[in-house]
PDB file of N, CA and C in Angstrom:
ATOM      1  N   MET A   1      32.283 -23.502  26.024  1.00  0.00           N
ATOM      2  CA  MET A   1      31.224 -22.935  25.217  1.00  0.00           C
ATOM      3  C   MET A   1      29.883 -23.505  25.654  1.00  0.00           C
ATOM      4  N   GLY A   2      28.874 -22.693  25.502  1.00  0.00           N
ATOM      5  CA  GLY A   2      27.543 -23.150  25.875  1.00  0.00           C
ATOM      6  C   GLY A   2      26.881 -23.951  24.768  1.00  0.00           C
ATOM      7  N   ASP A   3      25.754 -24.538  25.116  1.00  0.00           N
ATOM      8  CA  ASP A   3      25.007 -25.341  24.145  1.00  0.00           C
ATOM      9  C   ASP A   3      24.509 -24.493  22.976  1.00  0.00           C
ATOM     10  N   GLY A   4      24.153 -23.247  23.250  1.00  0.00           N
ATOM     11  CA  GLY A   4      23.663 -22.356  22.198  1.00  0.00           C
ATOM     12  C   GLY A   4      24.727 -22.060  21.160  1.00  0.00           C
ATOM     13  N   THR A   5      25.968 -21.868  21.616  1.00  0.00           N
ATOM     14  CA  THR A   5      27.069 -21.582  20.698  1.00  0.00           C
ATOM     15  C   THR A   5      27.366 -22.786  19.815  1.00  0.00           C
ATOM     16  N   ILE A   6      27.359 -23.959  20.398  1.00  0.00           N
ATOM     17  CA  ILE A   6      27.611 -25.181  19.626  1.00  0.00           C
ATOM     18  C   ILE A   6      26.505 -25.384  18.587  1.00  0.00           C
ATOM     19  N   LEU A   7      25.268 -25.144  18.980  1.00  0.00           N
ATOM     20  CA  LEU A   7      24.144 -25.277  18.056  1.00  0.00           C
ATOM     21  C   LEU A   7      24.277 -24.298  16.889  1.00  0.00           C
ATOM     22  N   LEU A   8      24.668 -23.070  17.177  1.00  0.00           N
ATOM     23  CA  LEU A   8      24.860 -22.077  16.115  1.00  0.00           C
ATOM     24  C   LEU A   8      25.994 -22.473  15.177  1.00  0.00           C
ATOM     25  N   GLN A   9      27.062 -23.046  15.723  1.00  0.00           N
ATOM     26  CA  GLN A   9      28.169 -23.497  14.874  1.00  0.00           C
ATOM     27  C   GLN A   9      27.723 -24.636  13.954  1.00  0.00           C
ATOM     28  N   ILE A  10      26.964 -25.561  14.492  1.00  0.00           N
ATOM     29  CA  ILE A  10      26.459 -26.673  13.679  1.00  0.00           C
ATOM     30  C   ILE A  10      25.558 -26.147  12.564  1.00  0.00           C
ATOM     31  N   MET A  11      24.687 -25.206  12.897  1.00  0.00           N
ATOM     32  CA  MET A  11      23.810 -24.619  11.885  1.00  0.00           C
ATOM     33  C   MET A  11      24.614 -23.877  10.821  1.00  0.00           C
ATOM     34  N   ALA A  12      25.679 -23.205  11.229  1.00  0.00           N
ATOM     35  CA  ALA A  12      26.531 -22.493  10.274  1.00  0.00           C
ATOM     36  C   ALA A  12      27.222 -23.472   9.335  1.00  0.00           C
ATOM     37  N   TYR A  13      27.715 -24.592   9.858  1.00  0.00           N
ATOM     38  CA  TYR A  13      28.362 -25.597   9.014  1.00  0.00           C
ATOM     39  C   TYR A  13      27.372 -26.211   8.025  1.00  0.00           C
ATOM     40  N   ILE A  14      26.172 -26.494   8.490  1.00  0.00           N
ATOM     41  CA  ILE A  14      25.151 -27.057   7.604  1.00  0.00           C
ATOM     42  C   ILE A  14      24.811 -26.063   6.493  1.00  0.00           C
ATOM     43  N   THR A  15      24.675 -24.798   6.848  1.00  0.00           N
ATOM     44  CA  THR A  15      24.394 -23.764   5.854  1.00  0.00           C
ATOM     45  C   THR A  15      25.523 -23.649   4.850  1.00  0.00           C
ATOM     46  N   LEU A  16      26.749 -23.733   5.310  1.00  0.00           N
ATOM     47  CA  LEU A  16      27.913 -23.661   4.426  1.00  0.00           C
ATOM     48  C   LEU A  16      27.930 -24.832   3.450  1.00  0.00           C
ATOM     49  N   ILE A  17      27.664 -26.024   3.946  1.00  0.00           N
ATOM     50  CA  ILE A  17      27.650 -27.211   3.089  1.00  0.00           C
ATOM     51  C   ILE A  17      26.527 -27.118   2.056  1.00  0.00           C
ATOM     52  N   LEU A  18      25.340 -26.715   2.479  1.00  0.00           N
ATOM     53  CA  LEU A  18      24.221 -26.597   1.548  1.00  0.00           C
ATOM     54  C   LEU A  18      24.469 -25.516   0.500  1.00  0.00           C
ATOM     55  N   SER A  19      25.096 -24.430   0.899  1.00  0.00           N
ATOM     56  CA  SER A  19      25.426 -23.368  -0.056  1.00  0.00           C
ATOM     57  C   SER A  19      26.426 -23.863  -1.087  1.00  0.00           C
ATOM     58  N   GLY A  20      27.428 -24.593  -0.635  1.00  0.00           N
ATOM     59  CA  GLY A  20      28.422 -25.153  -1.554  1.00  0.00           C
ATOM     60  C   GLY A  20      27.796 -26.120  -2.542  1.00  0.00           C
ATOM     61  N   LEU A  21      26.901 -26.970  -2.054  1.00  0.00           N
ATOM     62  CA  LEU A  21      26.211 -27.909  -2.946  1.00  0.00           C
ATOM     63  C   LEU A  21      25.329 -27.180  -3.953  1.00  0.00           C
ATOM     64  N   SER A  22      24.692 -26.126  -3.515  1.00  0.00           N
ATOM     65  CA  SER A  22      23.845 -25.340  -4.408  1.00  0.00           C
ATOM     66  C   SER A  22      24.665 -24.699  -5.524  1.00  0.00           C
ATOM     67  N   ILE A  23      25.822 -24.171  -5.179  1.00  0.00           N
ATOM     68  CA  ILE A  23      26.711 -23.579  -6.182  1.00  0.00           C
ATOM     69  C   ILE A  23      27.198 -24.648  -7.148  1.00  0.00           C
ATOM     70  N   LEU A  24      27.537 -25.816  -6.640  1.00  0.00           N
ATOM     71  CA  LEU A  24      28.000 -26.920  -7.481  1.00  0.00           C
ATOM     72  C   LEU A  24      26.925 -27.340  -8.484  1.00  0.00           C
ATOM     73  N   VAL A  25      25.691 -27.443  -8.041  1.00  0.00           N
ATOM     74  CA  VAL A  25      24.591 -27.827  -8.927  1.00  0.00           C
ATOM     75  C   VAL A  25      24.370 -26.757  -9.997  1.00  0.00           C
ATOM     76  N   ALA A  26      24.421 -25.496  -9.607  1.00  0.00           N
ATOM     77  CA  ALA A  26      24.223 -24.410 -10.575  1.00  0.00           C
ATOM     78  C   ALA A  26      25.326 -24.402 -11.625  1.00  0.00           C
ATOM     79  N   LEU A  27      26.565 -24.602 -11.201  1.00  0.00           N
ATOM     80  CA  LEU A  27      27.681 -24.618 -12.147  1.00  0.00           C
ATOM     81  C   LEU A  27      27.598 -25.808 -13.090  1.00  0.00           C
ATOM     82  N   SER A  28      27.276 -26.974 -12.572  1.00  0.00           N
ATOM     83  CA  SER A  28      27.197 -28.151 -13.439  1.00  0.00           C
ATOM     84  C   SER A  28      26.056 -28.012 -14.443  1.00  0.00           C
ATOM     85  N   SER A  29      24.958 -27.434 -14.037  1.00  0.00           N
ATOM     86  CA  SER A  29      23.846 -27.200 -14.954  1.00  0.00           C
ATOM     87  C   SER A  29      24.243 -26.217 -16.049  1.00  0.00           C
ATOM     88  N   SER A  30      24.949 -25.180 -15.662  1.00  0.00           N
ATOM     89  CA  SER A  30      25.414 -24.188 -16.636  1.00  0.00           C
ATOM     90  C   SER A  30      26.390 -24.803 -17.630  1.00  0.00           C
ATOM     91  N   ILE A  31      27.270 -25.652 -17.140  1.00  0.00           N
ATOM     92  CA  ILE A  31      28.249 -26.304 -18.017  1.00  0.00           C
ATOM     93  C   ILE A  31      27.549 -27.227 -19.008  1.00  0.00           C
ATOM     94  N   LEU A  32      26.565 -27.983 -18.550  1.00  0.00           N
ATOM     95  CA  LEU A  32      25.833 -28.878 -19.451  1.00  0.00           C
ATOM     96  C   LEU A  32      25.082 -28.089 -20.522  1.00  0.00           C
ATOM     97  N   ASP A  33      24.464 -26.977 -20.137  1.00  0.00           N
ATOM     98  CA  ASP A  33      23.765 -26.147 -21.113  1.00  0.00           C
ATOM     99  C   ASP A  33      24.733 -25.574 -22.136  1.00  0.00           C
ATOM    100  N   ARG A  34      25.882 -25.119 -21.665  1.00  0.00           N
ATOM    101  CA  ARG A  34      26.886 -24.545 -22.562  1.00  0.00           C
ATOM    102  C   ARG A  34      27.427 -25.606 -23.511  1.00  0.00           C
ATOM    103  N   LYS A  35      27.568 -26.821 -23.011  1.00  0.00           N
ATOM    104  CA  LYS A  35      28.062 -27.923 -23.838  1.00  0.00           C
ATOM    105  C   LYS A  35      27.080 -28.227 -24.974  1.00  0.00           C
ATOM    106  N   LYS A  36      25.789 -28.259 -24.649  1.00  0.00           N
ATOM    107  CA  LYS A  36      24.768 -28.498 -25.671  1.00  0.00           C
ATOM    108  C   LYS A  36      24.747 -27.364 -26.691  1.00  0.00           C
ATOM    109  N   GLU A  37      24.887 -26.146 -26.210  1.00  0.00           N
ATOM    110  CA  GLU A  37      24.902 -24.985 -27.095  1.00  0.00           C
ATOM    111  C   GLU A  37      26.097 -25.046 -28.054  1.00  0.00           C
ATOM    112  N   SER A  38      27.251 -25.432 -27.546  1.00  0.00           N
ATOM    113  CA  SER A  38      28.453 -25.553 -28.378  1.00  0.00           C
ATOM    114  C   SER A  38      28.265 -26.623 -29.445  1.00  0.00           C
ATOM    115  N   ALA A  39      27.683 -27.752 -29.058  1.00  0.00           N
ATOM    116  CA  ALA A  39      27.444 -28.827 -30.020  1.00  0.00           C
ATOM    117  C   ALA A  39      26.472 -28.377 -31.104  1.00  0.00           C
ATOM    118  N   LEU A  40      25.455 -27.649 -30.718  1.00  0.00           N
ATOM    119  CA  LEU A  40      24.485 -27.155 -31.689  1.00  0.00           C
ATOM    120  C   LEU A  40      25.138 -26.179 -32.664  1.00  0.00           C
ATOM    121  N   LEU A  41      25.987 -25.307 -32.163  1.00  0.00           N
ATOM    122  CA  LEU A  41      26.696 -24.372 -33.038  1.00  0.00           C
ATOM    123  C   LEU A  41      27.566 -25.119 -34.044  1.00  0.00           C
ATOM    124  N   ARG A  42      28.240 -26.178 -33.580  1.00  0.00           N
ATOM    125  CA  ARG A  42      29.095 -26.958 -34.486  1.00  0.00           C
ATOM    126  C   ARG A  42      28.249 -27.675 -35.543  1.00  0.00           C
ATOM    127  N   VAL A  43      27.081 -28.175 -35.144  1.00  0.00           N
ATOM    128  CA  VAL A  43      26.219 -28.893 -36.079  1.00  0.00           C
ATOM    129  C   VAL A  43      25.720 -27.964 -37.189  1.00  0.00           C
ATOM    130  N   ILE A  44      25.404 -26.719 -36.841  1.00  0.00           N
ATOM    131  CA  ILE A  44      24.885 -25.806 -37.861  1.00  0.00           C
ATOM    132  C   ILE A  44      25.999 -25.146 -38.671  1.00  0.00           C
ATOM    133  N   GLY A  45      27.259 -25.532 -38.384  1.00  0.00           N
ATOM    134  CA  GLY A  45      28.346 -25.101 -39.249  1.00  0.00           C
ATOM    135  C   GLY A  45      29.291 -24.055 -38.700  1.00  0.00           C
ATOM    136  N   ALA A  46      29.205 -23.749 -37.438  1.00  0.00           N
ATOM    137  CA  ALA A  46      30.121 -22.764 -36.862  1.00  0.00           C
ATOM    138  C   ALA A  46      31.527 -23.349 -36.779  1.00  0.00           C
ATOM    139  N   LYS A  47      32.501 -22.496 -36.981  1.00  0.00           N
ATOM    140  CA  LYS A  47      33.887 -22.942 -36.886  1.00  0.00           C
ATOM    141  C   LYS A  47      34.280 -23.086 -35.418  1.00  0.00           C
ATOM    142  N   ARG A  48      35.332 -23.860 -35.184  1.00  0.00           N
ATOM    143  CA  ARG A  48      35.800 -24.063 -33.806  1.00  0.00           C
ATOM    144  C   ARG A  48      36.163 -22.736 -33.154  1.00  0.00           C
ATOM    145  N   ARG A  49      36.756 -21.859 -33.911  1.00  0.00           N
ATOM    146  CA  ARG A  49      37.152 -20.551 -33.376  1.00  0.00           C
ATOM    147  C   ARG A  49      35.925 -19.765 -32.905  1.00  0.00           C
ATOM    148  N   THR A  50      34.864 -19.811 -33.689  1.00  0.00           N
ATOM    149  CA  THR A  50      33.639 -19.104 -33.327  1.00  0.00           C
ATOM    150  C   THR A  50      33.054 -19.664 -32.034  1.00  0.00           C
ATOM    151  N   VAL A  51      33.034 -20.989 -31.925  1.00  0.00           N
ATOM    152  CA  VAL A  51      32.511 -21.626 -30.713  1.00  0.00           C
ATOM    153  C   VAL A  51      33.380 -21.259 -29.518  1.00  0.00           C
ATOM    154  N   PHE A  52      34.692 -21.289 -29.703  1.00  0.00           N
ATOM    155  CA  PHE A  52      35.615 -20.946 -28.624  1.00  0.00           C
ATOM    156  C   PHE A  52      35.421 -19.500 -28.182  1.00  0.00           C
ATOM    157  N   LEU A  53      35.280 -18.596 -29.138  1.00  0.00           N
ATOM    158  CA  LEU A  53      35.104 -17.184 -28.796  1.00  0.00           C
ATOM    159  C   LEU A  53      33.751 -16.920 -28.141  1.00  0.00           C
ATOM    160  N   SER A  54      32.753 -17.732 -28.438  1.00  0.00           N
ATOM    161  CA  SER A  54      31.452 -17.542 -27.795  1.00  0.00           C
ATOM    162  C   SER A  54      31.500 -17.931 -26.319  1.00  0.00           C
ATOM    163  N   VAL A  55      32.415 -18.822 -25.974  1.00  0.00           N
ATOM    164  CA  VAL A  55      32.569 -19.219 -24.568  1.00  0.00           C
ATOM    165  C   VAL A  55      33.243 -18.105 -23.787  1.00  0.00           C
ATOM    166  N   ILE A  56      34.215 -17.487 -24.412  1.00  0.00           N
ATOM    167  CA  ILE A  56      34.952 -16.398 -23.758  1.00  0.00           C
ATOM    168  C   ILE A  56      34.142 -15.154 -23.870  1.00  0.00           C
TER     169      ILE A  56
END
């Protein structure tokens, strides 16, 4: 393989890793927001079933 092909493969791997990290950060942020929302619903008196159904 030529140097250009190896360089493109390295760039593709870096892009793949950065994309995976970006998805991980977005999911963890969403989970934290949902967790706070669930706690707030419980504090204002929502039943566990209501909180569970709001997630689904």
